[in-house]
Protein backbone atom coordinates (compact mmCIF):
# COMPACT_ATOMS: atom_id res chain seq x y z
CA UNK A 1 18.89 27.75 4.11
CA UNK A 2 20.69 24.58 2.89
CA UNK A 3 24.10 24.78 1.42
CA UNK A 4 22.65 23.70 -2.18
CA UNK A 5 20.19 26.31 -1.52
CA UNK A 6 23.23 29.10 -0.55
CA UNK A 7 25.04 28.26 -3.59
CA UNK A 8 22.47 28.11 -5.86
CA UNK A 9 21.49 31.32 -4.77
CA UNK A 10 25.10 32.44 -4.85
CA UNK A 11 25.42 31.01 -8.78
CA UNK A 12 22.56 33.13 -9.71
CA UNK A 13 23.69 36.14 -8.06
CA UNK A 14 27.37 35.90 -9.68
CA UNK A 15 25.55 35.38 -13.58
CA UNK A 16 23.67 38.41 -12.87
CA UNK A 17 26.72 40.71 -11.98
CA UNK A 18 29.55 38.97 -14.24
CA UNK A 19 27.24 38.60 -17.71
CA UNK A 20 24.21 40.30 -16.88
CA UNK A 21 22.42 37.06 -17.51
CA UNK A 22 19.04 36.02 -15.33
CA UNK A 23 19.08 32.50 -14.15
CA UNK A 24 16.05 31.81 -11.48
CA UNK A 25 18.07 29.71 -9.09
CA UNK A 26 15.95 26.83 -8.81
CA UNK A 27 17.52 25.86 -12.04
CA UNK A 28 21.41 25.35 -10.75
CA UNK A 29 21.51 22.22 -8.87
CA UNK A 30 25.05 21.94 -7.61
CA UNK A 31 26.03 18.31 -6.75
CA UNK A 32 28.30 16.60 -4.66
CA UNK A 33 31.89 16.52 -5.90
CA UNK A 34 33.69 13.21 -7.08
CA UNK A 35 35.79 11.93 -4.05
CA UNK A 36 38.71 12.42 -6.96
CA UNK A 37 38.09 16.23 -6.63
CA UNK A 38 38.70 18.25 -4.12
CA UNK A 39 35.45 19.88 -2.47
CA UNK A 40 32.51 19.66 -1.33
CA UNK A 41 29.88 20.54 -4.06
CA UNK A 42 30.32 21.13 -7.45
CA UNK A 43 28.18 23.47 -10.55
CA UNK A 44 28.10 22.26 -13.66
CA UNK A 45 28.84 25.65 -15.52
CA UNK A 46 28.13 24.52 -19.05
CA UNK A 47 24.50 26.13 -19.51
CA UNK A 48 26.33 29.33 -19.13
CA UNK A 49 28.68 30.01 -21.71
CA UNK A 50 26.22 31.30 -23.60
CA UNK A 51 25.85 33.88 -21.30
CA UNK A 52 29.24 34.39 -20.64
CA UNK A 53 31.14 34.22 -24.06
CA UNK A 54 34.12 32.28 -22.65
CA UNK A 55 35.69 29.08 -22.17
CA UNK A 56 34.47 26.52 -20.08
CA UNK A 57 36.98 26.66 -17.20
CA UNK A 58 37.25 30.56 -17.75
CA UNK A 59 33.98 30.93 -16.85
CA UNK A 60 34.09 28.71 -13.90
CA UNK A 61 36.97 30.47 -12.11
CA UNK A 62 35.45 33.49 -12.82
CA UNK A 63 32.76 32.54 -11.20
CA UNK A 64 34.31 30.99 -8.15
CA UNK A 65 36.26 34.04 -7.31
CA UNK A 66 32.84 35.74 -7.48
CA UNK A 67 31.12 33.22 -5.34
CA UNK A 68 34.55 33.37 -2.89
CA UNK A 69 34.62 37.27 -2.43
CA UNK A 70 30.69 37.55 -1.84
CA UNK A 71 29.42 34.65 -0.15
CA UNK A 72 30.74 34.19 3.07
CA UNK A 73 29.99 30.13 3.47
CA UNK A 74 32.60 29.39 0.51
CA UNK A 75 35.73 28.72 1.88
CA UNK A 76 37.83 28.05 -1.88
CA UNK A 77 37.34 27.00 -4.99
CA UNK A 78 39.03 25.13 -8.03
CA UNK A 79 37.94 24.37 -11.72
CA UNK A 80 38.19 21.43 -13.53
CA UNK A 81 37.22 22.24 -17.40
CA UNK A 82 33.65 23.43 -17.03
CA UNK A 83 33.06 22.14 -12.96
CA UNK A 84 33.08 24.45 -10.45
CA UNK A 85 34.25 22.61 -7.43
CA UNK A 86 33.03 24.58 -4.35
CA UNK A 87 35.35 23.71 -1.11
CA UNK A 88 32.68 25.01 1.75
CA UNK A 89 33.93 26.86 5.19
CA UNK A 90 34.36 25.43 8.14
CA UNK A 91 32.41 27.98 10.00
CA UNK A 92 29.61 27.38 7.80
CA UNK A 93 29.68 23.41 8.61
CA UNK A 94 29.28 24.37 11.96
CA UNK A 95 26.99 26.49 12.17
CA UNK A 96 25.32 24.02 10.34
CA UNK A 97 25.92 21.20 12.89
CA UNK A 98 24.22 23.68 15.59
CA UNK A 99 21.13 23.80 13.56
CA UNK A 100 20.50 20.33 12.87
CA UNK A 101 21.37 20.17 16.39
CA UNK A 102 18.95 22.13 17.74
CA UNK A 103 16.49 20.74 15.00
CA UNK A 104 15.08 17.46 16.73
CA UNK A 105 12.39 17.07 13.45
CA UNK A 106 15.83 17.65 11.17
CA UNK A 107 14.67 16.06 7.83
CA UNK A 108 10.86 14.99 8.65
CA UNK A 109 8.40 17.42 7.45
CA UNK A 110 5.41 17.02 9.14
CA UNK A 111 1.69 17.35 7.94
CA UNK A 112 -1.17 20.01 8.23
CA UNK A 113 -4.63 20.94 7.09
CA UNK A 114 -3.51 21.50 3.34
CA UNK A 115 -1.27 18.46 2.87
CA UNK A 116 -2.90 15.93 0.84
CA UNK A 117 -4.35 13.07 1.42
CA UNK A 118 -2.10 9.24 0.04
CA UNK A 119 -3.91 5.78 0.64
CA UNK A 120 -0.99 2.93 0.79
CA UNK A 121 -2.31 -0.67 0.00
CA UNK A 122 -0.27 -3.25 1.14
CA UNK A 123 -0.39 -6.67 2.41
CA UNK A 124 -3.62 -8.09 0.86
CA UNK A 125 -3.45 -11.69 2.03
CA UNK A 126 -5.84 -15.04 1.13
CA UNK A 127 -7.41 -16.30 4.19
CA UNK A 128 -6.55 -19.29 3.04
CA UNK A 129 -3.24 -19.31 4.11
CA UNK A 130 -0.34 -17.89 6.42
CA UNK A 131 1.65 -14.92 5.61
CA UNK A 132 4.89 -16.24 3.74
CA UNK A 133 8.46 -14.25 2.82
CA UNK A 134 6.90 -12.67 -0.31
CA UNK A 135 4.47 -10.88 2.13
CA UNK A 136 6.95 -9.73 4.37
CA UNK A 137 8.47 -7.67 1.53
CA UNK A 138 5.00 -6.90 0.87
CA UNK A 139 4.70 -5.91 3.96
CA UNK A 140 7.57 -4.00 5.22
CA UNK A 141 7.66 -1.93 1.64
CA UNK A 142 3.87 -0.83 2.26
CA UNK A 143 4.21 0.01 5.22
CA UNK A 144 8.25 2.38 5.12
CA UNK A 145 6.63 3.90 2.09
CA UNK A 146 3.95 5.21 4.12
CA UNK A 147 6.46 6.19 6.88
CA UNK A 148 8.27 7.53 3.51
CA UNK A 149 5.56 9.36 2.50
CA UNK A 150 4.77 10.84 6.07
CA UNK A 151 8.20 12.17 6.35
CA UNK A 152 7.51 14.15 3.63
CA UNK A 153 4.35 15.82 4.90
CA UNK A 154 1.74 13.89 3.11
CA UNK A 155 -1.52 13.01 5.30
CA UNK A 156 -1.33 8.74 5.02
CA UNK A 157 -3.76 5.77 5.46
CA UNK A 158 -2.64 2.56 5.42
CA UNK A 159 -5.13 0.13 4.19
CA UNK A 160 -4.99 -3.35 3.58
CA UNK A 161 -7.75 -5.61 1.16
CA UNK A 162 -8.55 -9.11 2.60
CA UNK A 163 -9.07 -12.08 -0.02
CA UNK A 164 -11.47 -13.47 1.99
CA UNK A 165 -13.72 -15.20 -0.38
CA UNK A 166 -13.22 -17.24 -3.65
CA UNK A 167 -12.43 -20.32 -4.56
CA UNK A 168 -9.08 -20.37 -3.03
CA UNK A 169 -11.11 -20.23 -0.13
CA UNK A 170 -13.42 -23.02 -0.53
CA UNK A 171 -10.35 -25.36 -0.79
CA UNK A 172 -9.53 -24.56 2.76
CA UNK A 173 -12.92 -24.74 3.61
CA UNK A 174 -13.99 -28.34 1.83
CA UNK A 175 -10.50 -29.70 2.98
CA UNK A 176 -11.32 -28.75 6.86
CA UNK A 177 -15.13 -30.39 6.20
CA UNK A 178 -13.61 -33.95 4.60
CA UNK A 179 -10.20 -34.22 6.73
CA UNK A 180 -10.38 -31.72 10.00
CA UNK A 181 -12.54 -33.86 11.88
CA UNK A 182 -13.49 -31.03 13.74
CA UNK A 183 -9.99 -29.95 14.49
CA UNK A 184 -9.40 -26.20 15.77
CA UNK A 185 -6.23 -23.84 17.00
CA UNK A 186 -6.75 -25.10 20.22
CA UNK A 187 -7.08 -28.21 20.24
CA UNK A 188 -3.82 -28.11 17.33
CA UNK A 189 -2.12 -26.13 19.30
CA UNK A 190 -1.38 -24.20 16.28
CA UNK A 191 -1.95 -20.39 15.42
CA UNK A 192 -5.14 -20.01 12.97
CA UNK A 193 -3.30 -19.03 10.14
CA UNK A 194 -1.10 -22.23 9.93
CA UNK A 195 -4.14 -24.57 10.66
CA UNK A 196 -5.84 -23.44 7.64
CA UNK A 197 -2.95 -23.71 5.70
CA UNK A 198 -2.33 -26.73 6.44
CA UNK A 199 -5.95 -27.71 4.60
CA UNK A 200 -5.19 -25.61 1.57
CA UNK A 201 -1.96 -27.70 0.65
CA UNK A 202 -4.43 -30.80 2.11
CA UNK A 203 -7.05 -30.34 -1.01
CA UNK A 204 -4.06 -30.36 -3.32
CA UNK A 205 -2.58 -33.18 -2.67
CA UNK A 206 -6.23 -34.71 -2.70
CA UNK A 207 -6.66 -33.04 -6.02
CA UNK A 208 -3.54 -34.09 -7.79
CA UNK A 209 -4.06 -37.82 -6.56
CA UNK A 210 -7.70 -37.64 -7.84
CA UNK A 211 -6.07 -36.78 -11.18
CA UNK A 212 -3.31 -38.88 -11.51
CA UNK A 213 -6.09 -41.74 -11.04
CA UNK A 214 -8.40 -40.20 -13.41
CA UNK A 215 -5.63 -39.70 -15.93
CA UNK A 216 -4.58 -43.38 -15.06
CA UNK A 217 -7.52 -45.13 -14.73
CA UNK A 218 -9.64 -43.55 -17.61
CA UNK A 219 -6.81 -42.80 -19.81
CA UNK A 220 -7.05 -39.36 -19.99
CA UNK A 221 -5.34 -36.21 -20.67
CA UNK A 222 -4.22 -34.04 -18.01
CA UNK A 223 -6.49 -30.96 -18.80
CA UNK A 224 -9.81 -33.46 -19.40
CA UNK A 225 -8.96 -34.90 -15.75
CA UNK A 226 -8.87 -31.65 -14.42
CA UNK A 227 -12.87 -31.25 -15.72
CA UNK A 228 -13.63 -34.40 -14.59
CA UNK A 229 -12.52 -33.74 -11.27
CA UNK A 230 -15.29 -34.51 -8.36
CA UNK A 231 -13.24 -32.67 -5.53
CA UNK A 232 -12.85 -29.15 -7.44
CA UNK A 233 -16.42 -29.52 -8.53
CA UNK A 234 -17.50 -29.25 -5.10
CA UNK A 235 -15.29 -26.23 -4.15
CA UNK A 236 -17.11 -24.62 -7.15
CA UNK A 237 -20.11 -25.44 -5.30
CA UNK A 238 -19.52 -24.57 -2.14
CA UNK A 239 -18.38 -20.94 -4.00
CA UNK A 240 -21.53 -20.61 -5.69
CA UNK A 241 -23.40 -21.68 -2.45
CA UNK A 242 -21.36 -19.12 -0.79
CA UNK A 243 -22.29 -16.60 -3.22
CA UNK A 244 -26.03 -17.15 -2.68
CA UNK A 245 -25.45 -16.79 1.03
CA UNK A 246 -26.34 -19.73 2.16
CA UNK A 247 -26.35 -20.14 5.92
CA UNK A 248 -24.26 -23.33 6.78
CA UNK A 249 -21.39 -22.47 4.30
CA UNK A 250 -21.38 -18.82 5.02
CA UNK A 251 -21.51 -20.06 9.17
CA UNK A 252 -18.07 -21.99 8.43
CA UNK A 253 -16.50 -19.54 5.98
CA UNK A 254 -16.66 -17.02 8.91
CA UNK A 255 -15.98 -19.20 11.74
CA UNK A 256 -12.42 -20.31 10.04
CA UNK A 257 -11.53 -16.83 9.00
CA UNK A 258 -11.78 -15.82 12.16
CA UNK A 259 -8.98 -18.18 13.09
CA UNK A 260 -7.10 -16.71 10.29
CA UNK A 261 -7.40 -13.14 11.42
CA UNK A 262 -6.39 -14.61 14.76
CA UNK A 263 -3.03 -15.61 13.23
CA UNK A 264 -2.77 -12.64 11.16
CA UNK A 265 -2.80 -10.10 13.36
CA UNK A 266 0.04 -11.85 15.61
CA UNK A 267 2.05 -11.92 12.64
CA UNK A 268 1.23 -8.19 11.91
CA UNK A 269 2.65 -7.41 15.77
CA UNK A 270 5.30 -8.95 15.02
CA UNK A 271 6.77 -7.16 12.21
CA UNK A 272 6.18 -3.69 13.42
CA UNK A 273 3.00 -3.48 10.61
CA UNK A 274 -0.28 -1.54 10.91
CA UNK A 275 -3.29 -0.40 9.38
CA UNK A 276 -5.58 2.35 9.43
CA UNK A 277 -8.44 0.54 7.67
CA UNK A 278 -8.57 -2.70 6.64
CA UNK A 279 -11.42 -3.73 3.84
CA UNK A 280 -12.72 -7.44 3.29
CA UNK A 281 -13.15 -8.51 -0.51
CA UNK A 282 -16.89 -9.98 1.04
CA UNK A 283 -17.86 -6.58 1.32
CA UNK A 284 -16.15 -5.19 -1.44
CA UNK A 285 -17.25 -7.67 -3.94
CA UNK A 286 -20.68 -6.77 -4.69
CA UNK A 287 -20.41 -3.58 -5.36
CA UNK A 288 -17.98 -4.55 -8.08
CA UNK A 289 -20.54 -6.51 -9.30
CA UNK A 290 -23.41 -3.65 -9.63
CA UNK A 291 -20.32 -1.54 -11.31
CA UNK A 292 -19.61 -4.08 -13.48
CA UNK A 293 -23.30 -4.98 -14.37
CA UNK A 294 -24.37 -1.18 -14.66
CA UNK A 295 -21.61 -0.93 -17.08
CA UNK A 296 -22.97 -3.33 -19.66
CA UNK A 297 -25.88 -1.23 -20.00
CA UNK A 298 -23.41 2.09 -20.57
CA UNK A 299 -21.69 -0.22 -23.45
CA UNK A 300 -18.70 -0.71 -21.62
CA UNK A 301 -18.76 -4.62 -21.10
CA UNK A 302 -21.05 -7.13 -22.68
CA UNK A 303 -22.34 -10.50 -21.70
CA UNK A 304 -20.92 -13.80 -23.66
CA UNK A 305 -23.36 -16.07 -24.30
CA UNK A 306 -22.28 -18.36 -21.86
CA UNK A 307 -23.63 -15.48 -19.13
CA UNK A 308 -20.39 -14.24 -18.43
CA UNK A 309 -19.59 -10.75 -18.64
CA UNK A 310 -16.26 -9.14 -20.24
CA UNK A 311 -14.68 -5.64 -20.96
CA UNK A 312 -13.13 -5.18 -24.77
CA UNK A 313 -9.88 -3.24 -23.91
CA UNK A 314 -8.72 -3.86 -27.68
CA UNK A 315 -9.20 -0.23 -28.86
CA UNK A 316 -6.48 0.11 -25.62
CA UNK A 317 -3.83 -2.32 -26.86
CA UNK A 318 -5.24 -5.23 -24.41
CA UNK A 319 -7.06 -7.79 -24.52
CA UNK A 320 -10.76 -8.92 -23.63
CA UNK A 321 -10.84 -9.15 -19.89
CA UNK A 322 -13.63 -11.14 -17.49
CA UNK A 323 -15.30 -9.96 -14.86
CA UNK A 324 -18.03 -12.19 -13.73
CA UNK A 325 -17.97 -16.08 -15.06
CA UNK A 326 -20.56 -18.01 -16.49
CA UNK A 327 -21.57 -19.26 -12.86
CA UNK A 328 -21.98 -15.25 -11.67
CA UNK A 329 -19.51 -15.52 -9.56
CA UNK A 330 -16.54 -12.63 -9.77
CA UNK A 331 -13.13 -12.24 -10.50
CA UNK A 332 -10.14 -10.16 -8.65
CA UNK A 333 -10.67 -7.62 -10.68
CA UNK A 334 -14.58 -7.47 -9.72
CA UNK A 335 -13.24 -6.64 -6.26
CA UNK A 336 -11.01 -4.13 -7.13
CA UNK A 337 -13.38 -2.23 -8.46
CA UNK A 338 -15.84 -2.39 -5.63
CA UNK A 339 -13.16 -1.72 -3.39
CA UNK A 340 -11.91 1.33 -5.36
CA UNK A 341 -15.11 3.15 -5.13
CA UNK A 342 -15.93 2.56 -1.59
CA UNK A 343 -12.35 3.66 -0.48
CA UNK A 344 -12.86 7.39 -2.82
CA UNK A 345 -16.74 7.34 -0.48
CA UNK A 346 -14.53 7.13 2.67
CA UNK A 347 -11.37 9.06 2.23
CA UNK A 348 -10.80 11.96 0.20
CA UNK A 349 -7.64 10.24 -1.39
CA UNK A 350 -5.84 12.43 -3.45
CA UNK A 351 -3.88 9.49 -4.50
CA UNK A 352 -4.21 5.39 -4.47
CA UNK A 353 -0.61 3.73 -4.73
CA UNK A 354 -1.28 -0.47 -4.58
CA UNK A 355 2.04 -2.22 -3.22
CA UNK A 356 1.66 -5.17 -5.17
CA UNK A 357 4.11 -7.32 -7.27
CA UNK A 358 5.11 -7.41 -10.59
CA UNK A 359 3.24 -10.29 -11.81
CA UNK A 360 0.04 -8.13 -11.10
CA UNK A 361 1.71 -5.34 -13.40
CA UNK A 362 -0.86 -6.44 -16.55
CA UNK A 363 -3.81 -6.02 -14.30
CA UNK A 364 -3.48 -2.91 -12.38
CA UNK A 365 -2.99 -1.54 -16.05
CA UNK A 366 -6.34 -2.83 -16.14
CA UNK A 367 -8.09 -1.91 -13.46
CA UNK A 368 -6.52 1.91 -13.87
CA UNK A 369 -8.45 1.45 -17.61
CA UNK A 370 -11.83 0.22 -16.50
CA UNK A 371 -11.87 2.73 -13.53
CA UNK A 372 -11.60 5.61 -16.13
CA UNK A 373 -14.15 3.85 -18.08
CA UNK A 374 -16.54 3.76 -15.44
CA UNK A 375 -16.36 7.30 -15.13
CA UNK A 376 -14.31 8.03 -11.97
CA UNK A 377 -11.70 10.32 -12.60
CA UNK A 378 -8.78 9.32 -10.43
CA UNK A 379 -8.82 5.85 -12.53
CA UNK A 380 -5.95 6.57 -14.59
CA UNK A 381 -4.13 8.61 -11.72
CA UNK A 382 -4.06 5.10 -9.76
CA UNK A 383 -0.16 3.98 -8.79
CA UNK A 384 0.79 0.46 -8.84
CA UNK A 385 4.10 0.46 -7.06
CA UNK A 386 5.59 -2.52 -8.31
CA UNK A 387 7.87 -4.55 -6.85
CA UNK A 388 10.12 -7.79 -8.12
CA UNK A 389 10.08 -11.24 -6.18
CA UNK A 390 12.08 -12.69 -3.47
CA UNK A 391 13.60 -16.08 -4.14
CA UNK A 392 15.58 -17.88 -2.22
CA UNK A 393 18.92 -20.07 -2.66
CA UNK A 394 16.60 -23.06 -2.77
CA UNK A 395 14.42 -21.08 -5.77
CA UNK A 396 10.88 -20.03 -5.83
CA UNK A 397 8.16 -20.51 -3.21
CA UNK A 398 4.84 -22.53 -4.01
CA UNK A 399 1.84 -21.95 -1.03
CA UNK A 400 -0.32 -25.13 -2.01
CA UNK A 401 2.38 -27.40 -2.25
CA UNK A 402 3.17 -26.25 1.79
CA UNK A 403 6.90 -24.86 0.43
CA UNK A 404 6.97 -21.07 1.04
CA UNK A 405 9.00 -19.97 3.80
CA UNK A 406 6.74 -18.95 6.72
CA UNK A 407 6.74 -15.26 7.99
CA UNK A 408 6.25 -16.33 11.49
CA UNK A 409 9.32 -19.19 11.24
CA UNK A 410 11.32 -16.80 9.49
CA UNK A 411 11.06 -14.38 12.14
CA UNK A 412 11.60 -16.68 14.77
CA UNK A 413 14.70 -17.60 12.94
CA UNK A 414 15.66 -14.31 12.40
CA UNK A 415 15.73 -13.86 16.66
CA UNK A 416 17.55 -17.19 17.08
CA UNK A 417 20.31 -16.32 14.37
CA UNK A 418 21.18 -12.57 16.19
CA UNK A 419 20.88 -14.16 20.05
CA UNK A 420 23.40 -17.00 18.95
CA UNK A 421 25.68 -14.07 16.76
CA UNK A 422 24.94 -11.54 19.38
CA UNK A 423 25.99 -14.67 22.26
CA UNK A 424 29.56 -13.14 23.80
CA UNK A 425 28.22 -9.19 23.15
CA UNK A 426 25.12 -10.40 25.15
CA UNK A 427 27.09 -12.11 27.93
CA UNK A 428 26.68 -8.92 30.42
CA UNK A 429 23.40 -8.47 29.88
CA UNK A 430 19.80 -10.07 31.94
CA UNK A 431 18.66 -12.97 30.32
CA UNK A 432 14.91 -9.95 29.12
CA UNK A 433 17.08 -7.17 27.94
CA UNK A 434 19.21 -9.60 26.10
CA UNK A 435 16.29 -11.19 24.25
CA UNK A 436 14.48 -7.76 23.36
CA UNK A 437 17.86 -6.73 21.33
CA UNK A 438 17.98 -10.07 20.10
CA UNK A 439 14.66 -9.21 18.38
CA UNK A 440 15.72 -6.00 17.38
CA UNK A 441 19.11 -7.03 15.92
CA UNK A 442 16.63 -10.02 13.96
CA UNK A 443 14.45 -8.17 12.58
CA UNK A 444 16.28 -5.40 11.84
CA UNK A 445 18.27 -7.54 9.74
CA UNK A 446 14.97 -8.43 8.20
CA UNK A 447 13.93 -5.44 7.27
CA UNK A 448 16.83 -3.95 6.60
CA UNK A 449 18.16 -6.78 3.95
CA UNK A 450 14.48 -7.05 1.93
CA UNK A 451 14.71 -2.99 1.41
CA UNK A 452 17.90 -2.22 0.92
CA UNK A 453 17.43 -3.47 -2.59
CA UNK A 454 15.83 -1.29 -5.49
CA UNK A 455 11.90 -2.52 -4.53
CA UNK A 456 11.83 -3.11 -8.68
CA UNK A 457 14.26 -6.20 -8.90
CA UNK A 458 14.05 -9.39 -8.19
CA UNK A 459 15.94 -10.00 -4.98
CA UNK A 460 18.02 -13.19 -3.25
CA UNK A 461 17.09 -13.23 0.61
CA UNK A 462 19.81 -15.10 2.82
CA UNK A 463 19.44 -15.00 6.28
CA UNK A 464 22.66 -15.45 7.55
CA UNK A 465 23.80 -13.10 5.00
CA UNK A 466 21.90 -10.31 6.63
CA UNK A 467 23.22 -10.68 10.42
CA UNK A 468 26.41 -9.18 9.74
CA UNK A 469 27.65 -6.60 12.16
CA UNK A 470 30.53 -5.69 9.53
CA UNK A 471 28.62 -5.45 6.36
CA UNK A 472 25.95 -3.37 4.55
CA UNK A 473 23.34 -4.91 6.89
CA UNK A 474 20.92 -3.84 9.81
CA UNK A 475 22.79 -5.24 12.59
CA UNK A 476 25.83 -2.75 11.72
CA UNK A 477 23.56 0.04 11.63
CA UNK A 478 22.16 -1.08 14.88
CA UNK A 479 25.68 -1.26 16.24
CA UNK A 480 26.83 2.21 15.39
CA UNK A 481 23.82 3.81 16.83
CA UNK A 482 24.66 1.78 20.10
CA UNK A 483 28.40 2.47 20.44
CA UNK A 484 27.35 6.02 19.82
CA UNK A 485 25.25 6.26 22.79
CA UNK A 486 27.80 4.90 24.90
CA UNK A 487 30.17 7.50 23.86
CA UNK A 488 27.38 9.86 24.63
CA UNK A 489 27.01 8.00 28.23
CA UNK A 490 30.38 8.14 29.42
CA UNK A 491 30.49 12.07 28.60
CA UNK A 492 29.09 13.57 31.80
CA UNK A 493 29.23 17.12 30.37
CA UNK A 494 27.48 16.25 27.05
CA UNK A 495 24.34 19.00 27.90
CA UNK A 496 26.40 21.84 29.32
CA UNK A 497 29.91 21.55 26.95
CA UNK A 498 30.94 24.45 24.47
CA UNK A 499 31.48 24.06 20.84
CA UNK A 500 32.39 27.69 20.46
CA UNK A 501 35.74 28.53 18.72
CA UNK A 502 36.22 24.63 17.44
CA UNK A 503 36.61 24.29 13.39
CA UNK A 504 35.80 20.93 11.90
CA UNK A 505 38.50 19.15 9.98
CA UNK A 506 37.84 18.08 6.35
CA UNK A 507 36.33 14.23 7.83
CA UNK A 508 34.39 16.20 9.96
CA UNK A 509 32.89 18.79 6.97
CA UNK A 510 32.45 15.37 5.12
CA UNK A 511 30.39 14.01 7.69
CA UNK A 512 28.25 17.13 8.58
CA UNK A 513 27.48 17.49 4.16
CA UNK A 514 26.16 13.96 4.78
CA UNK A 515 24.14 14.64 8.11
CA UNK A 516 23.12 17.81 6.14
CA UNK A 517 21.74 15.54 2.78
CA UNK A 518 19.14 13.49 5.00
CA UNK A 519 16.23 16.13 4.03
CA UNK A 520 17.11 15.52 0.59
CA UNK A 521 17.47 11.56 0.57
CA UNK A 522 13.80 11.46 1.94
CA UNK A 523 12.25 13.48 -0.60
CA UNK A 524 13.57 11.56 -3.15
CA UNK A 525 12.78 8.43 -1.52
CA UNK A 526 9.18 9.65 -1.45
CA UNK A 527 9.44 10.78 -5.17
CA UNK A 528 11.04 7.80 -6.58
CA UNK A 529 8.57 5.66 -3.85
CA UNK A 530 12.63 3.95 -2.84
CA UNK A 531 12.83 2.73 0.75
CA UNK A 532 16.49 1.44 -0.69
CA UNK A 533 17.33 4.79 -0.69
CA UNK A 534 16.86 5.73 2.82
CA UNK A 535 18.32 2.23 3.72
CA UNK A 536 21.81 3.05 1.39
CA UNK A 537 22.00 6.61 2.55
CA UNK A 538 22.01 5.38 6.69
CA UNK A 539 24.73 2.91 5.46
CA UNK A 540 26.54 5.64 4.32
CA UNK A 541 26.46 7.92 6.67
CA UNK A 542 27.59 4.73 9.24
CA UNK A 543 30.14 4.40 7.39
CA UNK A 544 31.91 7.08 7.31
CA UNK A 545 30.71 7.53 10.87
CA UNK A 546 33.04 4.90 11.41
CA UNK A 547 36.17 5.76 9.46
CA UNK A 548 36.12 9.09 11.67
CA UNK A 549 35.28 7.03 14.88
CA UNK A 550 38.36 4.85 14.05
CA UNK A 551 40.73 7.85 13.12
CA UNK A 552 39.86 10.82 15.77
CA UNK A 553 39.80 10.48 19.48
CA UNK A 554 36.54 11.95 21.36
CA UNK A 555 36.31 11.47 24.90
CA UNK A 556 40.11 11.75 25.32
CA UNK A 557 40.39 14.69 22.80
CA UNK A 558 42.46 17.56 25.37
CA UNK A 559 40.67 20.48 22.90
CA UNK A 560 37.07 21.04 25.03
CA UNK A 561 36.07 22.97 21.78
CA UNK A 562 36.66 20.11 19.59
CA UNK A 563 35.57 17.47 22.04
CA UNK A 564 32.33 19.19 22.95
CA UNK A 565 31.93 19.72 18.82
CA UNK A 566 32.58 15.43 18.09
CA UNK A 567 30.65 14.98 21.11
CA UNK A 568 27.60 16.78 19.17
CA UNK A 569 28.17 15.63 15.88
CA UNK A 570 28.45 11.86 17.23
CA UNK A 571 24.88 12.31 18.80
CA UNK A 572 23.52 14.15 15.72
CA UNK A 573 24.57 11.38 14.06
CA UNK A 574 22.96 8.55 16.32
CA UNK A 575 19.99 10.83 15.83
CA UNK A 576 19.98 10.98 12.09
CA UNK A 577 20.90 6.90 11.46
CA UNK A 578 17.59 6.37 14.12
CA UNK A 579 15.01 8.91 12.46
CA UNK A 580 16.15 7.28 8.94
CA UNK A 581 15.96 3.51 9.70
CA UNK A 582 12.51 4.51 11.79
CA UNK A 583 11.26 5.08 8.07
CA UNK A 584 11.91 1.49 7.47
CA UNK A 585 10.32 0.49 10.01
CA UNK A 586 13.31 -0.46 12.43
CA UNK A 587 14.24 -0.19 15.77
CA UNK A 588 17.54 1.03 17.41
CA UNK A 589 18.65 -0.86 20.77
CA UNK A 590 20.71 1.87 23.05
CA UNK A 591 22.94 -0.65 23.77
CA UNK A 592 24.83 -4.37 22.50
């Protein structure tokens, strides 16, 4: 039983014994004692005053005395007004350390046959461009969230919807036709997603030039020029042909998408993320169209004179939402309706979570409403895991202008930066080991920096700041872990030593308490969908351990029981750190 549960039950028993008051233990929630007060955990007694009919401090003192006499885990206490600060007996913390050391899966719950099934959608790339920094944050958040939900005992399906059709895809295809001269990834010496991204930028360059020329030559406004653009008209015609199943357009589309998928797979592998099921918009949009057209018959949607189909959501406090264009082509909303239907056919989903940036908040409001109106009972229960945007010191990214931070380039730069920063540390390693550790450190720095921030907030990503062995960074956690592993390797008697008789000091008790809190942090991160809670817990644990390591001897400790206890305490810290950062998708090097 955790110390929190022991205290909750103890206080419940004390209230009954002292005042005849019945209070369910689950309603009594101890909090970590503030650093300016003595104690490990604090109970607020104000809710008990009606039963005690005494002043707050008197009530706290009476409950504290009862706990000290009747609950062996309580070593001492003090009362500050209505706050009962409890000091846990060192012997209890020693037993906690022994229990945690014996539990190889401490803090991690396993799913069973009764666990609910959660589907997490993340990534959602377009096949007209490579993955960029924004996608990196999305992928890391989605993957980490899936890991955290799994660690809370849920069954999890990781899924991706690839936006492989639409006007943006046709722009890249048209540009390749016009200016590609038959180039392939092999002949260009480029990843397929990069090559296609180049043609998306190429289309935009020619399109802007055409708009400028029309405005100058024909004296048009910008909107008039856009309406008169022959290049955009060709792209729209290509989309119409694609939806009509034109064999030539479909063959080109398939070939170019295969180039992109190969590129995506390589980037996903480098990032360390994966998926259990990938859906493609080209397979799901027709399902969506059928549902939308069926919605007209049910009076949920309506058709305008130009043939376009809309949903009137004004009674729900929203506006009119376009679902099918006048030419019959579908929009993202149509695809998402169809994808949702297919997913619930494929899996017995209890919870659906979409990991998508906060610029799409309105989109998911509408999707939830439309699914509900179409008769899908799970429509109102979908969750939009809305996260903030990543910005750079230089400002926002724009993919059509080719000014994004490419994911592959970013990964390369992070690994290179880790290698340069750690050159002195890796001097005694063979090049292969140094390269592998540089990869772990570079990616660890990237993942931790992007995940330590509250996901709801916009954030500024600074690569140089992320690779620091002393700050709130991934490399700091990795270095702490490697340091502990080095200590354990040098302890010949680690497996056979005996810690019986050792009593942890105040610093060691605080460290054990921090470790013991790991299951609560995992639970809170799963409830609030926040990898940042895991990241910051890991940092606090590493920081606290390093203070302990600085203040106390481990291998040179003369008392064998104390030496053994500190070795096992160190090993448990290392294991807990590794378990925590694994939920962030990070790897831990055994030495650095």
